[in-house]
Amino acid sequence: MRSNTLFVLARILIASVFIGLGAERLLTASSLLGGHLSSNPMVWGFAIFEFAAGLAIAFGWQARWVGLLMAIFLAADAWLSHPFWLHSGPALHGQLLHFLKNVSAIGGLLMLAWAETLRRSGRR
């Protein structure tokens, strides 16, 4: 398999979480998935941002910058949404799992930004 094919596949896989969750949030906010139609612009804005960022990464549009932006976003999400240090028992495990998944995705996004930097500079 050519390295470019692997790179595109990796980019799509990294983006899949943002595309999938963004689409799910949009469908829920529009009440198509049994939710209530949301009039909160923050809900819509966040869902559109997440979905659009995923598409940008998947298609390679400004992937370096969008990857860095999403790495920052996931770092904030990990810290604010998954404070495993405040939990014990099964809740500790669940929060730690989600926190570490975010950290892992941050690694993938940073690697994407690095690879895009190398690719654009002509070094592979």
N, C-alpha and C. Protein backbone atom coordinates (compact mmCIF):
# COMPACT_ATOMS: atom_id res chain seq x y z
N MET A 1 0.85 -1.18 0.00
CA MET A 1 0.00 0.00 0.00
C MET A 1 0.89 1.24 0.00
N ARG A 2 0.58 2.19 -0.84
CA ARG A 2 1.36 3.42 -0.93
C ARG A 2 1.21 4.23 0.34
N SER A 3 2.28 4.97 0.70
CA SER A 3 2.25 5.76 1.93
C SER A 3 1.17 6.83 1.87
N ASN A 4 0.91 7.39 0.69
CA ASN A 4 -0.14 8.40 0.57
C ASN A 4 -1.51 7.80 0.89
N THR A 5 -1.73 6.56 0.48
CA THR A 5 -3.00 5.88 0.77
C THR A 5 -3.15 5.69 2.27
N LEU A 6 -2.08 5.29 2.93
CA LEU A 6 -2.13 5.14 4.39
C LEU A 6 -2.40 6.47 5.08
N PHE A 7 -1.78 7.52 4.58
CA PHE A 7 -1.96 8.84 5.16
C PHE A 7 -3.41 9.30 5.03
N VAL A 8 -4.01 9.12 3.86
CA VAL A 8 -5.40 9.50 3.64
C VAL A 8 -6.32 8.66 4.52
N LEU A 9 -6.06 7.35 4.60
CA LEU A 9 -6.86 6.48 5.45
C LEU A 9 -6.78 6.92 6.91
N ALA A 10 -5.57 7.21 7.37
CA ALA A 10 -5.39 7.67 8.75
C ALA A 10 -6.14 8.97 9.00
N ARG A 11 -6.07 9.88 8.05
CA ARG A 11 -6.77 11.16 8.17
C ARG A 11 -8.28 10.95 8.28
N ILE A 12 -8.82 10.05 7.48
CA ILE A 12 -10.26 9.76 7.51
C ILE A 12 -10.64 9.12 8.84
N LEU A 13 -9.82 8.20 9.32
CA LEU A 13 -10.12 7.55 10.60
C LEU A 13 -10.07 8.53 11.76
N ILE A 14 -9.10 9.44 11.75
CA ILE A 14 -9.03 10.46 12.81
C ILE A 14 -10.27 11.35 12.74
N ALA A 15 -10.69 11.69 11.53
CA ALA A 15 -11.83 12.59 11.35
C ALA A 15 -13.16 11.92 11.68
N SER A 16 -13.21 10.60 11.62
CA SER A 16 -14.49 9.90 11.74
C SER A 16 -15.20 10.20 13.06
N VAL A 17 -14.47 10.36 14.14
CA VAL A 17 -15.12 10.64 15.42
C VAL A 17 -15.80 12.00 15.39
N PHE A 18 -15.18 12.99 14.76
CA PHE A 18 -15.78 14.32 14.71
C PHE A 18 -16.97 14.35 13.74
N ILE A 19 -16.83 13.66 12.62
CA ILE A 19 -17.94 13.60 11.66
C ILE A 19 -19.13 12.87 12.29
N GLY A 20 -18.87 11.72 12.88
CA GLY A 20 -19.94 10.91 13.46
C GLY A 20 -20.64 11.59 14.62
N LEU A 21 -19.87 12.11 15.56
CA LEU A 21 -20.49 12.76 16.71
C LEU A 21 -21.13 14.09 16.33
N GLY A 22 -20.50 14.83 15.42
CA GLY A 22 -21.09 16.08 14.96
C GLY A 22 -22.42 15.83 14.26
N ALA A 23 -22.47 14.81 13.40
CA ALA A 23 -23.72 14.47 12.71
C ALA A 23 -24.78 14.02 13.71
N GLU A 24 -24.38 13.22 14.68
CA GLU A 24 -25.33 12.75 15.70
C GLU A 24 -25.89 13.94 16.50
N ARG A 25 -25.03 14.89 16.85
CA ARG A 25 -25.49 16.08 17.59
C ARG A 25 -26.43 16.92 16.73
N LEU A 26 -26.11 17.06 15.44
CA LEU A 26 -26.98 17.83 14.55
C LEU A 26 -28.35 17.16 14.41
N LEU A 27 -28.35 15.85 14.24
CA LEU A 27 -29.61 15.13 14.11
C LEU A 27 -30.43 15.18 15.40
N THR A 28 -29.75 15.07 16.55
CA THR A 28 -30.45 15.14 17.83
C THR A 28 -31.01 16.55 18.05
N ALA A 29 -30.20 17.57 17.75
CA ALA A 29 -30.65 18.96 17.92
C ALA A 29 -31.81 19.29 17.00
N SER A 30 -31.87 18.63 15.87
CA SER A 30 -32.98 18.89 14.93
C SER A 30 -34.17 17.98 15.22
N SER A 31 -34.09 17.20 16.27
CA SER A 31 -35.12 16.26 16.74
C SER A 31 -35.32 15.05 15.84
N LEU A 32 -34.43 14.84 14.89
CA LEU A 32 -34.56 13.67 14.02
C LEU A 32 -34.18 12.36 14.71
N LEU A 33 -33.43 12.47 15.82
CA LEU A 33 -33.06 11.25 16.56
C LEU A 33 -33.80 11.18 17.90
N GLY A 34 -34.97 11.75 17.93
CA GLY A 34 -35.78 11.66 19.14
C GLY A 34 -35.51 12.75 20.16
N GLY A 35 -34.60 13.65 19.88
CA GLY A 35 -34.35 14.76 20.78
C GLY A 35 -35.39 15.83 20.59
N HIS A 36 -35.20 16.92 21.28
CA HIS A 36 -36.09 18.06 21.13
C HIS A 36 -35.40 19.10 20.26
N LEU A 37 -36.15 19.71 19.38
CA LEU A 37 -35.59 20.74 18.51
C LEU A 37 -34.95 21.81 19.38
N SER A 38 -33.67 22.01 19.18
CA SER A 38 -32.94 22.96 20.02
C SER A 38 -32.96 24.34 19.39
N SER A 39 -33.28 25.32 20.22
CA SER A 39 -33.20 26.70 19.76
C SER A 39 -31.93 27.35 20.29
N ASN A 40 -31.11 26.57 20.99
CA ASN A 40 -29.87 27.09 21.56
C ASN A 40 -28.81 27.18 20.47
N PRO A 41 -28.37 28.39 20.12
CA PRO A 41 -27.37 28.52 19.06
C PRO A 41 -26.03 27.89 19.42
N MET A 42 -25.74 27.74 20.72
CA MET A 42 -24.48 27.09 21.13
C MET A 42 -24.49 25.61 20.75
N VAL A 43 -25.62 24.96 20.91
CA VAL A 43 -25.74 23.54 20.55
C VAL A 43 -25.51 23.38 19.06
N TRP A 44 -26.19 24.21 18.28
CA TRP A 44 -26.04 24.14 16.83
C TRP A 44 -24.62 24.51 16.41
N GLY A 45 -24.08 25.56 16.99
CA GLY A 45 -22.73 26.00 16.63
C GLY A 45 -21.68 24.95 16.92
N PHE A 46 -21.77 24.32 18.09
CA PHE A 46 -20.82 23.28 18.46
C PHE A 46 -20.93 22.09 17.52
N ALA A 47 -22.14 21.68 17.22
CA ALA A 47 -22.35 20.52 16.34
C ALA A 47 -21.83 20.80 14.94
N ILE A 48 -22.11 21.99 14.42
CA ILE A 48 -21.63 22.35 13.09
C ILE A 48 -20.11 22.44 13.07
N PHE A 49 -19.53 23.05 14.11
CA PHE A 49 -18.07 23.15 14.21
C PHE A 49 -17.42 21.77 14.20
N GLU A 50 -17.93 20.86 15.02
CA GLU A 50 -17.36 19.52 15.12
C GLU A 50 -17.48 18.76 13.79
N PHE A 51 -18.64 18.83 13.18
CA PHE A 51 -18.88 18.15 11.92
C PHE A 51 -18.00 18.73 10.81
N ALA A 52 -17.96 20.05 10.71
CA ALA A 52 -17.16 20.71 9.67
C ALA A 52 -15.66 20.45 9.86
N ALA A 53 -15.20 20.46 11.09
CA ALA A 53 -13.78 20.17 11.36
C ALA A 53 -13.44 18.74 10.93
N GLY A 54 -14.34 17.81 11.21
CA GLY A 54 -14.12 16.43 10.78
C GLY A 54 -14.04 16.31 9.27
N LEU A 55 -14.94 16.98 8.57
CA LEU A 55 -14.90 16.95 7.11
C LEU A 55 -13.62 17.59 6.58
N ALA A 56 -13.20 18.70 7.18
CA ALA A 56 -11.97 19.37 6.74
C ALA A 56 -10.77 18.44 6.88
N ILE A 57 -10.69 17.74 8.00
CA ILE A 57 -9.58 16.80 8.21
C ILE A 57 -9.68 15.65 7.21
N ALA A 58 -10.86 15.08 7.07
CA ALA A 58 -11.03 13.94 6.15
C ALA A 58 -10.64 14.28 4.73
N PHE A 59 -11.00 15.47 4.27
CA PHE A 59 -10.70 15.88 2.89
C PHE A 59 -9.35 16.58 2.76
N GLY A 60 -8.67 16.78 3.87
CA GLY A 60 -7.34 17.38 3.83
C GLY A 60 -7.32 18.88 3.67
N TRP A 61 -8.45 19.55 3.89
CA TRP A 61 -8.50 21.00 3.77
C TRP A 61 -7.94 21.63 5.04
N GLN A 62 -6.81 22.32 4.91
CA GLN A 62 -6.17 22.97 6.05
C GLN A 62 -5.99 21.99 7.22
N ALA A 63 -5.64 20.75 6.89
CA ALA A 63 -5.59 19.68 7.89
C ALA A 63 -4.60 19.98 9.01
N ARG A 64 -3.51 20.66 8.69
CA ARG A 64 -2.52 20.99 9.73
C ARG A 64 -3.16 21.89 10.78
N TRP A 65 -3.82 22.96 10.34
CA TRP A 65 -4.38 23.94 11.27
C TRP A 65 -5.64 23.42 11.96
N VAL A 66 -6.47 22.72 11.22
CA VAL A 66 -7.67 22.16 11.82
C VAL A 66 -7.28 21.07 12.82
N GLY A 67 -6.26 20.28 12.49
CA GLY A 67 -5.78 19.26 13.42
C GLY A 67 -5.28 19.87 14.72
N LEU A 68 -4.53 20.96 14.61
CA LEU A 68 -4.04 21.64 15.83
C LEU A 68 -5.20 22.22 16.63
N LEU A 69 -6.16 22.83 15.93
CA LEU A 69 -7.33 23.39 16.60
C LEU A 69 -8.11 22.30 17.33
N MET A 70 -8.30 21.16 16.67
CA MET A 70 -9.05 20.07 17.30
C MET A 70 -8.27 19.43 18.44
N ALA A 71 -6.94 19.44 18.37
CA ALA A 71 -6.13 18.93 19.48
C ALA A 71 -6.35 19.81 20.71
N ILE A 72 -6.38 21.11 20.51
CA ILE A 72 -6.64 22.03 21.63
C ILE A 72 -8.06 21.81 22.16
N PHE A 73 -9.01 21.69 21.26
CA PHE A 73 -10.39 21.44 21.65
C PHE A 73 -10.50 20.15 22.47
N LEU A 74 -9.84 19.08 22.03
CA LEU A 74 -9.93 17.82 22.76
C LEU A 74 -9.22 17.88 24.10
N ALA A 75 -8.14 18.65 24.20
CA ALA A 75 -7.46 18.82 25.48
C ALA A 75 -8.41 19.50 26.48
N ALA A 76 -9.10 20.53 26.03
CA ALA A 76 -10.07 21.21 26.90
C ALA A 76 -11.21 20.26 27.26
N ASP A 77 -11.69 19.51 26.28
CA ASP A 77 -12.78 18.56 26.53
C ASP A 77 -12.35 17.49 27.53
N ALA A 78 -11.14 16.97 27.37
CA ALA A 78 -10.65 15.94 28.30
C ALA A 78 -10.60 16.49 29.72
N TRP A 79 -10.08 17.67 29.87
CA TRP A 79 -9.91 18.27 31.20
C TRP A 79 -11.27 18.62 31.82
N LEU A 80 -12.16 19.22 31.03
CA LEU A 80 -13.43 19.71 31.57
C LEU A 80 -14.51 18.64 31.66
N SER A 81 -14.54 17.72 30.72
CA SER A 81 -15.64 16.75 30.66
C SER A 81 -15.33 15.41 31.31
N HIS A 82 -14.07 15.10 31.52
CA HIS A 82 -13.71 13.78 32.05
C HIS A 82 -12.73 13.88 33.22
N PRO A 83 -13.12 14.56 34.31
CA PRO A 83 -12.22 14.72 35.47
C PRO A 83 -12.17 13.44 36.31
N PHE A 84 -11.45 12.46 35.81
CA PHE A 84 -11.38 11.15 36.48
C PHE A 84 -10.87 11.27 37.90
N TRP A 85 -10.07 12.28 38.20
CA TRP A 85 -9.48 12.47 39.51
C TRP A 85 -10.53 12.81 40.58
N LEU A 86 -11.73 13.13 40.17
CA LEU A 86 -12.81 13.45 41.11
C LEU A 86 -13.70 12.25 41.40
N HIS A 87 -13.42 11.11 40.77
CA HIS A 87 -14.30 9.94 40.87
C HIS A 87 -13.59 8.77 41.52
N SER A 88 -14.39 7.77 41.88
CA SER A 88 -13.85 6.51 42.39
C SER A 88 -14.72 5.38 41.85
N GLY A 89 -14.24 4.17 42.00
CA GLY A 89 -15.00 3.00 41.57
C GLY A 89 -15.21 2.96 40.08
N PRO A 90 -16.36 2.45 39.65
CA PRO A 90 -16.65 2.33 38.21
C PRO A 90 -16.64 3.68 37.48
N ALA A 91 -17.07 4.73 38.15
CA ALA A 91 -17.07 6.05 37.52
C ALA A 91 -15.64 6.50 37.21
N LEU A 92 -14.71 6.16 38.09
CA LEU A 92 -13.30 6.49 37.85
C LEU A 92 -12.83 5.83 36.57
N HIS A 93 -13.13 4.56 36.42
CA HIS A 93 -12.70 3.83 35.22
C HIS A 93 -13.30 4.45 33.96
N GLY A 94 -14.59 4.73 33.97
CA GLY A 94 -15.24 5.31 32.80
C GLY A 94 -14.66 6.66 32.43
N GLN A 95 -14.47 7.53 33.40
CA GLN A 95 -13.93 8.86 33.12
C GLN A 95 -12.47 8.78 32.66
N LEU A 96 -11.69 7.88 33.28
CA LEU A 96 -10.29 7.71 32.87
C LEU A 96 -10.22 7.19 31.44
N LEU A 97 -11.09 6.26 31.10
CA LEU A 97 -11.13 5.71 29.75
C LEU A 97 -11.38 6.81 28.73
N HIS A 98 -12.39 7.64 28.97
CA HIS A 98 -12.70 8.72 28.03
C HIS A 98 -11.60 9.77 27.99
N PHE A 99 -11.01 10.07 29.14
CA PHE A 99 -9.90 11.02 29.20
C PHE A 99 -8.74 10.53 28.34
N LEU A 100 -8.38 9.24 28.51
CA LEU A 100 -7.25 8.68 27.77
C LEU A 100 -7.56 8.53 26.28
N LYS A 101 -8.80 8.28 25.92
CA LYS A 101 -9.16 8.26 24.50
C LYS A 101 -8.94 9.64 23.89
N ASN A 102 -9.32 10.68 24.62
CA ASN A 102 -9.07 12.03 24.12
C ASN A 102 -7.57 12.29 23.98
N VAL A 103 -6.78 11.87 24.96
CA VAL A 103 -5.34 12.06 24.90
C VAL A 103 -4.76 11.31 23.69
N SER A 104 -5.25 10.12 23.44
CA SER A 104 -4.80 9.35 22.29
C SER A 104 -5.15 10.07 20.98
N ALA A 105 -6.37 10.57 20.89
CA ALA A 105 -6.78 11.31 19.68
C ALA A 105 -5.96 12.58 19.52
N ILE A 106 -5.61 13.24 20.62
CA ILE A 106 -4.74 14.42 20.55
C ILE A 106 -3.41 14.03 19.91
N GLY A 107 -2.87 12.88 20.30
CA GLY A 107 -1.64 12.39 19.69
C GLY A 107 -1.78 12.20 18.19
N GLY A 108 -2.89 11.62 17.76
CA GLY A 108 -3.13 11.44 16.33
C GLY A 108 -3.25 12.77 15.59
N LEU A 109 -3.92 13.73 16.21
CA LEU A 109 -4.08 15.05 15.58
C LEU A 109 -2.75 15.79 15.50
N LEU A 110 -1.93 15.68 16.53
CA LEU A 110 -0.61 16.32 16.49
C LEU A 110 0.27 15.65 15.44
N MET A 111 0.16 14.32 15.30
CA MET A 111 0.92 13.63 14.28
C MET A 111 0.45 14.04 12.88
N LEU A 112 -0.85 14.25 12.73
CA LEU A 112 -1.39 14.74 11.47
C LEU A 112 -0.81 16.12 11.14
N ALA A 113 -0.79 17.01 12.11
CA ALA A 113 -0.24 18.35 11.89
C ALA A 113 1.24 18.27 11.51
N TRP A 114 1.98 17.40 12.18
CA TRP A 114 3.41 17.23 11.87
C TRP A 114 3.59 16.68 10.46
N ALA A 115 2.81 15.66 10.10
CA ALA A 115 2.92 15.05 8.78
C ALA A 115 2.56 16.05 7.69
N GLU A 116 1.53 16.85 7.92
CA GLU A 116 1.14 17.88 6.95
C GLU A 116 2.25 18.91 6.78
N THR A 117 2.92 19.26 7.88
CA THR A 117 4.03 20.21 7.82
C THR A 117 5.15 19.65 6.97
N LEU A 118 5.50 18.38 7.19
CA LEU A 118 6.54 17.73 6.40
C LEU A 118 6.14 17.63 4.93
N ARG A 119 4.90 17.24 4.69
CA ARG A 119 4.41 17.08 3.32
C ARG A 119 4.46 18.40 2.56
N ARG A 120 4.07 19.45 3.20
CA ARG A 120 4.05 20.77 2.52
C ARG A 120 5.45 21.33 2.29
N SER A 121 6.39 20.92 3.14
CA SER A 121 7.76 21.42 2.96
C SER A 121 8.55 20.57 1.98
N GLY A 122 7.94 19.47 1.49
CA GLY A 122 8.61 18.62 0.52
C GLY A 122 9.42 17.51 1.16
N ARG A 123 9.51 17.48 2.49
CA ARG A 123 10.24 16.41 3.20
C ARG A 123 9.26 15.33 3.55
N ARG A 124 9.60 14.09 3.25
CA ARG A 124 8.70 12.97 3.58
C ARG A 124 9.40 11.97 4.40
